Amino acid sequence: MTYWLLNLCFLLPAAGLLAAALLRRRRSGLSNRGFILRLAGTAGVLLALTAVFDNLMIAVDLFGYNPERISGAFLGLAPLEDFAYPLAAVLLLPALWELLSPRAALPEENQ
């Protein structure tokens, strides 16, 4: 199994949960624009930190990757597959927070 295939096992459910959270927000009358902008900002920070620290850890030989299981595309020393983990966190954690938070009933539901 390649790292990309393994990554799909958690990226697809995370993306599905985020889509459900965005639908829930829209149905509750909340804007998704600010929510998505905050997700994008968080993703940028986490991906930048991942690039820096993964490259450092690989450079000092703390870990490595099986060359037969990676795509061969790198950002510095880190394979692109390694950036799926922070991306999944950015998709999954806010989605779960949104989906598990109690939401006030819409006005038409109170009648």
PDB file of N, CA and C in Angstrom:
ATOM      1  N   MET A   1       0.849  -1.172   0.000  1.00  0.00           N
ATOM      2  CA  MET A   1       0.000   0.000   0.000  1.00  0.00           C
ATOM      3  C   MET A   1       0.901   1.243   0.000  1.00  0.00           C
ATOM      4  N   THR A   2       0.585   2.187  -0.884  1.00  0.00           N
ATOM      5  CA  THR A   2       1.364   3.423  -0.946  1.00  0.00           C
ATOM      6  C   THR A   2       0.874   4.395   0.130  1.00  0.00           C
ATOM      7  N   TYR A   3       1.686   5.393   0.409  1.00  0.00           N
ATOM      8  CA  TYR A   3       1.290   6.394   1.392  1.00  0.00           C
ATOM      9  C   TYR A   3       0.068   7.185   0.924  1.00  0.00           C
ATOM     10  N   TRP A   4      -0.045   7.440  -0.388  1.00  0.00           N
ATOM     11  CA  TRP A   4      -1.214   8.158  -0.884  1.00  0.00           C
ATOM     12  C   TRP A   4      -2.493   7.364  -0.666  1.00  0.00           C
ATOM     13  N   LEU A   5      -2.433   6.070  -0.871  1.00  0.00           N
ATOM     14  CA  LEU A   5      -3.611   5.235  -0.643  1.00  0.00           C
ATOM     15  C   LEU A   5      -3.983   5.235   0.836  1.00  0.00           C
ATOM     16  N   LEU A   6      -2.982   5.145   1.689  1.00  0.00           N
ATOM     17  CA  LEU A   6      -3.231   5.225   3.123  1.00  0.00           C
ATOM     18  C   LEU A   6      -3.817   6.582   3.492  1.00  0.00           C
ATOM     19  N   ASN A   7      -3.293   7.649   2.905  1.00  0.00           N
ATOM     20  CA  ASN A   7      -3.799   8.989   3.190  1.00  0.00           C
ATOM     21  C   ASN A   7      -5.265   9.140   2.791  1.00  0.00           C
ATOM     22  N   LEU A   8      -5.659   8.525   1.689  1.00  0.00           N
ATOM     23  CA  LEU A   8      -7.058   8.609   1.252  1.00  0.00           C
ATOM     24  C   LEU A   8      -8.010   8.004   2.267  1.00  0.00           C
ATOM     25  N   CYS A   9      -7.521   7.031   3.016  1.00  0.00           N
ATOM     26  CA  CYS A   9      -8.365   6.370   4.025  1.00  0.00           C
ATOM     27  C   CYS A   9      -8.819   7.328   5.117  1.00  0.00           C
ATOM     28  N   PHE A  10      -8.061   8.385   5.363  1.00  0.00           N
ATOM     29  CA  PHE A  10      -8.524   9.344   6.364  1.00  0.00           C
ATOM     30  C   PHE A  10      -8.833  10.719   5.775  1.00  0.00           C
ATOM     31  N   LEU A  11      -8.301  11.050   4.598  1.00  0.00           N
ATOM     32  CA  LEU A  11      -8.630  12.348   3.994  1.00  0.00           C
ATOM     33  C   LEU A  11     -10.063  12.383   3.455  1.00  0.00           C
ATOM     34  N   LEU A  12     -10.502  11.304   2.833  1.00  0.00           N
ATOM     35  CA  LEU A  12     -11.868  11.293   2.289  1.00  0.00           C
ATOM     36  C   LEU A  12     -12.931  11.403   3.377  1.00  0.00           C
ATOM     37  N   PRO A  13     -12.852  10.606   4.461  1.00  0.00           N
ATOM     38  CA  PRO A  13     -13.841  10.802   5.538  1.00  0.00           C
ATOM     39  C   PRO A  13     -13.761  12.197   6.170  1.00  0.00           C
ATOM     40  N   ALA A  14     -12.550  12.724   6.322  1.00  0.00           N
ATOM     41  CA  ALA A  14     -12.397  14.068   6.901  1.00  0.00           C
ATOM     42  C   ALA A  14     -13.059  15.109   5.999  1.00  0.00           C
ATOM     43  N   ALA A  15     -12.866  14.990   4.685  1.00  0.00           N
ATOM     44  CA  ALA A  15     -13.490  15.926   3.741  1.00  0.00           C
ATOM     45  C   ALA A  15     -15.013  15.777   3.772  1.00  0.00           C
ATOM     46  N   GLY A  16     -15.494  14.556   3.887  1.00  0.00           N
ATOM     47  CA  GLY A  16     -16.941  14.330   3.984  1.00  0.00           C
ATOM     48  C   GLY A  16     -17.543  14.956   5.228  1.00  0.00           C
ATOM     49  N   LEU A  17     -16.853  14.826   6.352  1.00  0.00           N
ATOM     50  CA  LEU A  17     -17.339  15.435   7.586  1.00  0.00           C
ATOM     51  C   LEU A  17     -17.311  16.961   7.501  1.00  0.00           C
ATOM     52  N   LEU A  18     -16.290  17.506   6.868  1.00  0.00           N
ATOM     53  CA  LEU A  18     -16.240  18.955   6.697  1.00  0.00           C
ATOM     54  C   LEU A  18     -17.397  19.424   5.811  1.00  0.00           C
ATOM     55  N   ALA A  19     -17.692  18.684   4.752  1.00  0.00           N
ATOM     56  CA  ALA A  19     -18.823  19.041   3.892  1.00  0.00           C
ATOM     57  C   ALA A  19     -20.129  19.019   4.687  1.00  0.00           C
ATOM     58  N   ALA A  20     -20.295  18.017   5.546  1.00  0.00           N
ATOM     59  CA  ALA A  20     -21.491  17.946   6.394  1.00  0.00           C
ATOM     60  C   ALA A  20     -21.551  19.135   7.355  1.00  0.00           C
ATOM     61  N   ALA A  21     -20.408  19.509   7.914  1.00  0.00           N
ATOM     62  CA  ALA A  21     -20.369  20.654   8.828  1.00  0.00           C
ATOM     63  C   ALA A  21     -20.724  21.948   8.101  1.00  0.00           C
ATOM     64  N   LEU A  22     -20.214  22.107   6.882  1.00  0.00           N
ATOM     65  CA  LEU A  22     -20.530  23.313   6.107  1.00  0.00           C
ATOM     66  C   LEU A  22     -22.017  23.367   5.759  1.00  0.00           C
ATOM     67  N   LEU A  23     -22.611  22.231   5.430  1.00  0.00           N
ATOM     68  CA  LEU A  23     -24.056  22.186   5.163  1.00  0.00           C
ATOM     69  C   LEU A  23     -24.851  22.539   6.411  1.00  0.00           C
ATOM     70  N   ARG A  24     -24.420  22.028   7.537  1.00  0.00           N
ATOM     71  CA  ARG A  24     -25.113  22.318   8.799  1.00  0.00           C
ATOM     72  C   ARG A  24     -25.039  23.809   9.112  1.00  0.00           C
ATOM     73  N   ARG A  25     -23.868  24.396   8.914  1.00  0.00           N
ATOM     74  CA  ARG A  25     -23.720  25.836   9.151  1.00  0.00           C
ATOM     75  C   ARG A  25     -24.651  26.631   8.238  1.00  0.00           C
ATOM     76  N   ARG A  26     -24.706  26.240   6.958  1.00  0.00           N
ATOM     77  CA  ARG A  26     -25.558  26.957   6.002  1.00  0.00           C
ATOM     78  C   ARG A  26     -27.029  26.837   6.396  1.00  0.00           C
ATOM     79  N   ARG A  27     -27.443  25.630   6.790  1.00  0.00           N
ATOM     80  CA  ARG A  27     -28.842  25.440   7.191  1.00  0.00           C
ATOM     81  C   ARG A  27     -29.181  26.197   8.458  1.00  0.00           C
ATOM     82  N   SER A  28     -28.183  26.454   9.286  1.00  0.00           N
ATOM     83  CA  SER A  28     -28.397  27.225  10.518  1.00  0.00           C
ATOM     84  C   SER A  28     -28.350  28.728  10.270  1.00  0.00           C
ATOM     85  N   GLY A  29     -28.126  29.119   9.035  1.00  0.00           N
ATOM     86  CA  GLY A  29     -28.084  30.526   8.696  1.00  0.00           C
ATOM     87  C   GLY A  29     -26.733  31.186   8.941  1.00  0.00           C
ATOM     88  N   LEU A  30     -25.698  30.385   9.165  1.00  0.00           N
ATOM     89  CA  LEU A  30     -24.364  30.930   9.402  1.00  0.00           C
ATOM     90  C   LEU A  30     -23.580  31.004   8.100  1.00  0.00           C
ATOM     91  N   SER A  31     -22.733  32.006   8.002  1.00  0.00           N
ATOM     92  CA  SER A  31     -21.900  32.160   6.817  1.00  0.00           C
ATOM     93  C   SER A  31     -20.723  31.196   6.867  1.00  0.00           C
ATOM     94  N   ASN A  32     -20.425  30.581   5.757  1.00  0.00           N
ATOM     95  CA  ASN A  32     -19.274  29.685   5.662  1.00  0.00           C
ATOM     96  C   ASN A  32     -18.001  30.416   5.254  1.00  0.00           C
ATOM     97  N   ARG A  33     -18.125  31.646   4.780  1.00  0.00           N
ATOM     98  CA  ARG A  33     -16.965  32.368   4.250  1.00  0.00           C
ATOM     99  C   ARG A  33     -15.869  32.538   5.305  1.00  0.00           C
ATOM    100  N   GLY A  34     -16.224  33.064   6.444  1.00  0.00           N
ATOM    101  CA  GLY A  34     -15.250  33.272   7.512  1.00  0.00           C
ATOM    102  C   GLY A  34     -14.688  31.954   8.031  1.00  0.00           C
ATOM    103  N   PHE A  35     -15.545  30.966   8.122  1.00  0.00           N
ATOM    104  CA  PHE A  35     -15.140  29.636   8.579  1.00  0.00           C
ATOM    105  C   PHE A  35     -14.084  29.047   7.640  1.00  0.00           C
ATOM    106  N   ILE A  36     -14.338  29.150   6.353  1.00  0.00           N
ATOM    107  CA  ILE A  36     -13.403  28.617   5.358  1.00  0.00           C
ATOM    108  C   ILE A  36     -12.102  29.418   5.348  1.00  0.00           C
ATOM    109  N   LEU A  37     -12.196  30.731   5.504  1.00  0.00           N
ATOM    110  CA  LEU A  37     -10.981  31.553   5.565  1.00  0.00           C
ATOM    111  C   LEU A  37     -10.119  31.184   6.773  1.00  0.00           C
ATOM    112  N   ARG A  38     -10.753  30.921   7.911  1.00  0.00           N
ATOM    113  CA  ARG A  38      -9.996  30.494   9.092  1.00  0.00           C
ATOM    114  C   ARG A  38      -9.368  29.127   8.877  1.00  0.00           C
ATOM    115  N   LEU A  39     -10.081  28.229   8.212  1.00  0.00           N
ATOM    116  CA  LEU A  39      -9.515  26.913   7.894  1.00  0.00           C
ATOM    117  C   LEU A  39      -8.307  27.054   6.971  1.00  0.00           C
ATOM    118  N   ALA A  40      -8.418  27.917   5.975  1.00  0.00           N
ATOM    119  CA  ALA A  40      -7.312  28.120   5.037  1.00  0.00           C
ATOM    120  C   ALA A  40      -6.092  28.707   5.746  1.00  0.00           C
ATOM    121  N   GLY A  41      -6.311  29.661   6.631  1.00  0.00           N
ATOM    122  CA  GLY A  41      -5.205  30.238   7.390  1.00  0.00           C
ATOM    123  C   GLY A  41      -4.536  29.205   8.285  1.00  0.00           C
ATOM    124  N   THR A  42      -5.345  28.414   8.952  1.00  0.00           N
ATOM    125  CA  THR A  42      -4.814  27.345   9.810  1.00  0.00           C
ATOM    126  C   THR A  42      -4.040  26.340   8.983  1.00  0.00           C
ATOM    127  N   ALA A  43      -4.577  25.972   7.830  1.00  0.00           N
ATOM    128  CA  ALA A  43      -3.890  25.019   6.949  1.00  0.00           C
ATOM    129  C   ALA A  43      -2.545  25.576   6.513  1.00  0.00           C
ATOM    130  N   GLY A  44      -2.499  26.851   6.161  1.00  0.00           N
ATOM    131  CA  GLY A  44      -1.238  27.459   5.751  1.00  0.00           C
ATOM    132  C   GLY A  44      -0.184  27.393   6.836  1.00  0.00           C
ATOM    133  N   VAL A  45      -0.582  27.724   8.063  1.00  0.00           N
ATOM    134  CA  VAL A  45       0.363  27.690   9.187  1.00  0.00           C
ATOM    135  C   VAL A  45       0.827  26.264   9.456  1.00  0.00           C
ATOM    136  N   LEU A  46      -0.110  25.323   9.525  1.00  0.00           N
ATOM    137  CA  LEU A  46       0.268  23.937   9.815  1.00  0.00           C
ATOM    138  C   LEU A  46       1.125  23.323   8.714  1.00  0.00           C
ATOM    139  N   LEU A  47       0.825  23.622   7.472  1.00  0.00           N
ATOM    140  CA  LEU A  47       1.630  23.081   6.377  1.00  0.00           C
ATOM    141  C   LEU A  47       3.028  23.680   6.374  1.00  0.00           C
ATOM    142  N   ALA A  48       3.137  24.970   6.706  1.00  0.00           N
ATOM    143  CA  ALA A  48       4.465  25.591   6.791  1.00  0.00           C
ATOM    144  C   ALA A  48       5.279  24.986   7.926  1.00  0.00           C
ATOM    145  N   LEU A  49       4.649  24.798   9.077  1.00  0.00           N
ATOM    146  CA  LEU A  49       5.349  24.174  10.204  1.00  0.00           C
ATOM    147  C   LEU A  49       5.756  22.741   9.879  1.00  0.00           C
ATOM    148  N   THR A  50       4.882  22.023   9.198  1.00  0.00           N
ATOM    149  CA  THR A  50       5.203  20.653   8.798  1.00  0.00           C
ATOM    150  C   THR A  50       6.397  20.647   7.858  1.00  0.00           C
ATOM    151  N   ALA A  51       6.420  21.570   6.906  1.00  0.00           N
ATOM    152  CA  ALA A  51       7.543  21.635   5.966  1.00  0.00           C
ATOM    153  C   ALA A  51       8.854  21.864   6.703  1.00  0.00           C
ATOM    154  N   VAL A  52       8.851  22.797   7.634  1.00  0.00           N
ATOM    155  CA  VAL A  52      10.085  23.111   8.363  1.00  0.00           C
ATOM    156  C   VAL A  52      10.526  21.935   9.227  1.00  0.00           C
ATOM    157  N   PHE A  53       9.639  21.464  10.078  1.00  0.00           N
ATOM    158  CA  PHE A  53      10.048  20.462  11.056  1.00  0.00           C
ATOM    159  C   PHE A  53      10.236  19.073  10.458  1.00  0.00           C
ATOM    160  N   ASP A  54       9.449  18.698   9.468  1.00  0.00           N
ATOM    161  CA  ASP A  54       9.686  17.402   8.818  1.00  0.00           C
ATOM    162  C   ASP A  54      11.027  17.395   8.103  1.00  0.00           C
ATOM    163  N   ASN A  55      11.346  18.492   7.430  1.00  0.00           N
ATOM    164  CA  ASN A  55      12.649  18.572   6.757  1.00  0.00           C
ATOM    165  C   ASN A  55      13.797  18.482   7.758  1.00  0.00           C
ATOM    166  N   LEU A  56      13.644  19.142   8.903  1.00  0.00           N
ATOM    167  CA  LEU A  56      14.685  19.055   9.932  1.00  0.00           C
ATOM    168  C   LEU A  56      14.824  17.634  10.474  1.00  0.00           C
ATOM    169  N   MET A  57      13.699  17.001  10.760  1.00  0.00           N
ATOM    170  CA  MET A  57      13.749  15.643  11.323  1.00  0.00           C
ATOM    171  C   MET A  57      14.302  14.635  10.323  1.00  0.00           C
ATOM    172  N   ILE A  58      13.958  14.798   9.053  1.00  0.00           N
ATOM    173  CA  ILE A  58      14.495  13.897   8.030  1.00  0.00           C
ATOM    174  C   ILE A  58      15.984  14.163   7.837  1.00  0.00           C
ATOM    175  N   ALA A  59      16.387  15.441   7.896  1.00  0.00           N
ATOM    176  CA  ALA A  59      17.797  15.796   7.703  1.00  0.00           C
ATOM    177  C   ALA A  59      18.690  15.194   8.783  1.00  0.00           C
ATOM    178  N   VAL A  60      18.192  15.106  10.013  1.00  0.00           N
ATOM    179  CA  VAL A  60      19.000  14.515  11.092  1.00  0.00           C
ATOM    180  C   VAL A  60      18.742  13.020  11.229  1.00  0.00           C
ATOM    181  N   ASP A  61      18.030  12.458  10.253  1.00  0.00           N
ATOM    182  CA  ASP A  61      17.816  11.009  10.149  1.00  0.00           C
ATOM    183  C   ASP A  61      17.003  10.411  11.305  1.00  0.00           C
ATOM    184  N   LEU A  62      16.003  11.182  11.784  1.00  0.00           N
ATOM    185  CA  LEU A  62      15.106  10.633  12.805  1.00  0.00           C
ATOM    186  C   LEU A  62      14.156   9.597  12.205  1.00  0.00           C
ATOM    187  N   PHE A  63      13.804   9.786  10.955  1.00  0.00           N
ATOM    188  CA  PHE A  63      12.952   8.823  10.261  1.00  0.00           C
ATOM    189  C   PHE A  63      13.145   8.960   8.768  1.00  0.00           C
ATOM    190  N   GLY A  64      12.606   8.012   8.046  1.00  0.00           N
ATOM    191  CA  GLY A  64      12.695   8.022   6.596  1.00  0.00           C
ATOM    192  C   GLY A  64      11.469   7.353   6.004  1.00  0.00           C
ATOM    193  N   TYR A  65      11.449   7.243   4.707  1.00  0.00           N
ATOM    194  CA  TYR A  65      10.308   6.671   4.002  1.00  0.00           C
ATOM    195  C   TYR A  65      10.789   5.598   3.041  1.00  0.00           C
ATOM    196  N   ASN A  66       9.975   4.576   2.885  1.00  0.00           N
ATOM    197  CA  ASN A  66      10.255   3.529   1.920  1.00  0.00           C
ATOM    198  C   ASN A  66      10.087   4.123   0.519  1.00  0.00           C
ATOM    199  N   PRO A  67      11.156   4.185  -0.274  1.00  0.00           N
ATOM    200  CA  PRO A  67      11.060   4.814  -1.598  1.00  0.00           C
ATOM    201  C   PRO A  67      10.073   4.130  -2.539  1.00  0.00           C
ATOM    202  N   GLU A  68       9.753   2.884  -2.283  1.00  0.00           N
ATOM    203  CA  GLU A  68       8.800   2.169  -3.141  1.00  0.00           C
ATOM    204  C   GLU A  68       7.356   2.568  -2.856  1.00  0.00           C
ATOM    205  N   ARG A  69       7.117   3.215  -1.740  1.00  0.00           N
ATOM    206  CA  ARG A  69       5.744   3.545  -1.336  1.00  0.00           C
ATOM    207  C   ARG A  69       5.419   5.036  -1.427  1.00  0.00           C
ATOM    208  N   ILE A  70       6.363   5.848  -1.853  1.00  0.00           N
ATOM    209  CA  ILE A  70       6.103   7.276  -1.988  1.00  0.00           C
ATOM    210  C   ILE A  70       6.042   7.656  -3.466  1.00  0.00           C
ATOM    211  N   SER A  71       5.468   8.816  -3.732  1.00  0.00           N
ATOM    212  CA  SER A  71       5.267   9.255  -5.117  1.00  0.00           C
ATOM    213  C   SER A  71       6.552   9.736  -5.772  1.00  0.00           C
ATOM    214  N   GLY A  72       7.504  10.165  -4.970  1.00  0.00           N
ATOM    215  CA  GLY A  72       8.734  10.724  -5.520  1.00  0.00           C
ATOM    216  C   GLY A  72       8.710  12.236  -5.610  1.00  0.00           C
ATOM    217  N   ALA A  73       7.577  12.848  -5.267  1.00  0.00           N
ATOM    218  CA  ALA A  73       7.474  14.310  -5.233  1.00  0.00           C
ATOM    219  C   ALA A  73       7.813  14.777  -3.820  1.00  0.00           C
ATOM    220  N   PHE A  74       8.709  15.751  -3.730  1.00  0.00           N
ATOM    221  CA  PHE A  74       9.193  16.203  -2.430  1.00  0.00           C
ATOM    222  C   PHE A  74       9.068  17.719  -2.296  1.00  0.00           C
ATOM    223  N   LEU A  75       8.973  18.164  -1.078  1.00  0.00           N
ATOM    224  CA  LEU A  75       9.130  19.566  -0.723  1.00  0.00           C
ATOM    225  C   LEU A  75      10.333  19.590   0.214  1.00  0.00           C
ATOM    226  N   GLY A  76      11.469  19.890  -0.343  1.00  0.00           N
ATOM    227  CA  GLY A  76      12.717  19.724   0.394  1.00  0.00           C
ATOM    228  C   GLY A  76      13.017  18.236   0.504  1.00  0.00           C
ATOM    229  N   LEU A  77      13.175  17.753   1.719  1.00  0.00           N
ATOM    230  CA  LEU A  77      13.409  16.324   1.941  1.00  0.00           C
ATOM    231  C   LEU A  77      12.120  15.560   2.237  1.00  0.00           C
ATOM    232  N   ALA A  78      11.042  16.287   2.514  1.00  0.00           N
ATOM    233  CA  ALA A  78       9.777  15.658   2.912  1.00  0.00           C
ATOM    234  C   ALA A  78       8.938  15.291   1.691  1.00  0.00           C
ATOM    235  N   PRO A  79       8.484  14.044   1.619  1.00  0.00           N
ATOM    236  CA  PRO A  79       7.585  13.677   0.521  1.00  0.00           C
ATOM    237  C   PRO A  79       6.240  14.380   0.677  1.00  0.00           C
ATOM    238  N   LEU A  80       5.605  14.674  -0.431  1.00  0.00           N
ATOM    239  CA  LEU A  80       4.320  15.382  -0.378  1.00  0.00           C
ATOM    240  C   LEU A  80       3.278  14.619   0.430  1.00  0.00           C
ATOM    241  N   GLU A  81       3.382  13.318   0.461  1.00  0.00           N
ATOM    242  CA  GLU A  81       2.428  12.501   1.203  1.00  0.00           C
ATOM    243  C   GLU A  81       2.396  12.875   2.681  1.00  0.00           C
ATOM    244  N   ASP A  82       3.517  13.371   3.194  1.00  0.00           N
ATOM    245  CA  ASP A  82       3.608  13.702   4.607  1.00  0.00           C
ATOM    246  C   ASP A  82       2.744  14.893   4.987  1.00  0.00           C
ATOM    247  N   PHE A  83       2.329  15.692   4.016  1.00  0.00           N
ATOM    248  CA  PHE A  83       1.530  16.872   4.302  1.00  0.00           C
ATOM    249  C   PHE A  83       0.044  16.546   4.422  1.00  0.00           C
ATOM    250  N   ALA A  84      -0.327  15.312   4.188  1.00  0.00           N
ATOM    251  CA  ALA A  84      -1.724  14.913   4.321  1.00  0.00           C
ATOM    252  C   ALA A  84      -2.169  14.892   5.778  1.00  0.00           C
ATOM    253  N   TYR A  85      -1.256  14.626   6.691  1.00  0.00           N
ATOM    254  CA  TYR A  85      -1.629  14.529   8.105  1.00  0.00           C
ATOM    255  C   TYR A  85      -2.085  15.867   8.671  1.00  0.00           C
ATOM    256  N   PRO A  86      -1.334  16.956   8.495  1.00  0.00           N
ATOM    257  CA  PRO A  86      -1.865  18.227   8.998  1.00  0.00           C
ATOM    258  C   PRO A  86      -3.108  18.677   8.232  1.00  0.00           C
ATOM    259  N   LEU A  87      -3.190  18.352   6.953  1.00  0.00           N
ATOM    260  CA  LEU A  87      -4.383  18.697   6.183  1.00  0.00           C
ATOM    261  C   LEU A  87      -5.607  17.971   6.743  1.00  0.00           C
ATOM    262  N   ALA A  88      -5.459  16.714   7.078  1.00  0.00           N
ATOM    263  CA  ALA A  88      -6.570  15.959   7.664  1.00  0.00           C
ATOM    264  C   ALA A  88      -6.990  16.569   8.995  1.00  0.00           C
ATOM    265  N   ALA A  89      -6.027  17.021   9.788  1.00  0.00           N
ATOM    266  CA  ALA A  89      -6.361  17.652  11.066  1.00  0.00           C
ATOM    267  C   ALA A  89      -7.154  18.931  10.848  1.00  0.00           C
ATOM    268  N   VAL A  90      -6.768  19.714   9.844  1.00  0.00           N
ATOM    269  CA  VAL A  90      -7.473  20.969   9.551  1.00  0.00           C
ATOM    270  C   VAL A  90      -8.894  20.690   9.069  1.00  0.00           C
ATOM    271  N   LEU A  91      -9.095  19.615   8.348  1.00  0.00           N
ATOM    272  CA  LEU A  91     -10.434  19.270   7.867  1.00  0.00           C
ATOM    273  C   LEU A  91     -11.281  18.654   8.980  1.00  0.00           C
ATOM    274  N   LEU A  92     -10.690  17.738   9.712  1.00  0.00           N
ATOM    275  CA  LEU A  92     -11.453  16.907  10.644  1.00  0.00           C
ATOM    276  C   LEU A  92     -11.806  17.614  11.946  1.00  0.00           C
ATOM    277  N   LEU A  93     -10.858  18.244  12.595  1.00  0.00           N
ATOM    278  CA  LEU A  93     -11.124  18.793  13.928  1.00  0.00           C
ATOM    279  C   LEU A  93     -12.171  19.902  13.926  1.00  0.00           C
ATOM    280  N   PRO A  94     -12.094  20.900  13.045  1.00  0.00           N
ATOM    281  CA  PRO A  94     -13.168  21.903  13.033  1.00  0.00           C
ATOM    282  C   PRO A  94     -14.517  21.308  12.614  1.00  0.00           C
ATOM    283  N   ALA A  95     -14.488  20.323  11.715  1.00  0.00           N
ATOM    284  CA  ALA A  95     -15.739  19.690  11.298  1.00  0.00           C
ATOM    285  C   ALA A  95     -16.406  18.991  12.478  1.00  0.00           C
ATOM    286  N   LEU A  96     -15.626  18.244  13.238  1.00  0.00           N
ATOM    287  CA  LEU A  96     -16.196  17.567  14.416  1.00  0.00           C
ATOM    288  C   LEU A  96     -16.682  18.573  15.448  1.00  0.00           C
ATOM    289  N   TRP A  97     -15.915  19.646  15.650  1.00  0.00           N
ATOM    290  CA  TRP A  97     -16.318  20.679  16.587  1.00  0.00           C
ATOM    291  C   TRP A  97     -17.668  21.263  16.173  1.00  0.00           C
ATOM    292  N   GLU A  98     -17.806  21.526  14.899  1.00  0.00           N
ATOM    293  CA  GLU A  98     -19.052  22.102  14.390  1.00  0.00           C
ATOM    294  C   GLU A  98     -20.206  21.111  14.497  1.00  0.00           C
ATOM    295  N   LEU A  99     -19.962  19.868  14.120  1.00  0.00           N
ATOM    296  CA  LEU A  99     -21.033  18.871  14.109  1.00  0.00           C
ATOM    297  C   LEU A  99     -21.461  18.446  15.511  1.00  0.00           C
ATOM    298  N   LEU A 100     -20.539  18.484  16.453  1.00  0.00           N
ATOM    299  CA  LEU A 100     -20.860  18.033  17.814  1.00  0.00           C
ATOM    300  C   LEU A 100     -21.319  19.161  18.727  1.00  0.00           C
ATOM    301  N   SER A 101     -21.272  20.408  18.251  1.00  0.00           N
ATOM    302  CA  SER A 101     -21.733  21.549  19.042  1.00  0.00           C
ATOM    303  C   SER A 101     -23.244  21.640  18.957  1.00  0.00           C
ATOM    304  N   PRO A 102     -23.890  21.914  20.083  1.00  0.00           N
ATOM    305  CA  PRO A 102     -25.347  22.098  20.018  1.00  0.00           C
ATOM    306  C   PRO A 102     -25.669  23.368  19.236  1.00  0.00           C
ATOM    307  N   ARG A 103     -26.705  23.327  18.457  1.00  0.00           N
ATOM    308  CA  ARG A 103     -27.084  24.456  17.616  1.00  0.00           C
ATOM    309  C   ARG A 103     -28.499  24.884  18.018  1.00  0.00           C
ATOM    310  N   ALA A 104     -28.711  26.172  18.156  1.00  0.00           N
ATOM    311  CA  ALA A 104     -30.050  26.679  18.455  1.00  0.00           C
ATOM    312  C   ALA A 104     -30.986  26.348  17.299  1.00  0.00           C
ATOM    313  N   ALA A 105     -32.228  26.074  17.627  1.00  0.00           N
ATOM    314  CA  ALA A 105     -33.208  25.735  16.601  1.00  0.00           C
ATOM    315  C   ALA A 105     -33.481  26.954  15.725  1.00  0.00           C
ATOM    316  N   LEU A 106     -33.728  26.695  14.457  1.00  0.00           N
ATOM    317  CA  LEU A 106     -34.101  27.765  13.533  1.00  0.00           C
ATOM    318  C   LEU A 106     -35.480  28.288  13.910  1.00  0.00           C
ATOM    319  N   PRO A 107     -35.778  29.554  13.624  1.00  0.00           N
ATOM    320  CA  PRO A 107     -37.061  30.135  14.028  1.00  0.00           C
ATOM    321  C   PRO A 107     -38.282  29.343  13.538  1.00  0.00           C
ATOM    322  N   GLU A 108     -38.266  28.827  12.301  1.00  0.00           N
ATOM    323  CA  GLU A 108     -39.421  28.096  11.791  1.00  0.00           C
ATOM    324  C   GLU A 108     -39.596  26.744  12.472  1.00  0.00           C
ATOM    325  N   GLU A 109     -38.569  26.235  13.127  1.00  0.00           N
ATOM    326  CA  GLU A 109     -38.679  24.954  13.811  1.00  0.00           C
ATOM    327  C   GLU A 109     -39.332  25.125  15.178  1.00  0.00           C
ATOM    328  N   ASN A 110     -39.354  26.347  15.712  1.00  0.00           N
ATOM    329  CA  ASN A 110     -39.917  26.600  17.036  1.00  0.00           C
ATOM    330  C   ASN A 110     -41.438  26.735  17.004  1.00  0.00           C
ATOM    331  N   GLN A 111     -42.052  26.826  15.840  1.00  0.00           N
ATOM    332  CA  GLN A 111     -43.490  27.048  15.736  1.00  0.00           C
ATOM    333  C   GLN A 111     -44.251  25.783  15.878  1.00  0.00           C
TER     334      GLN A 111
END
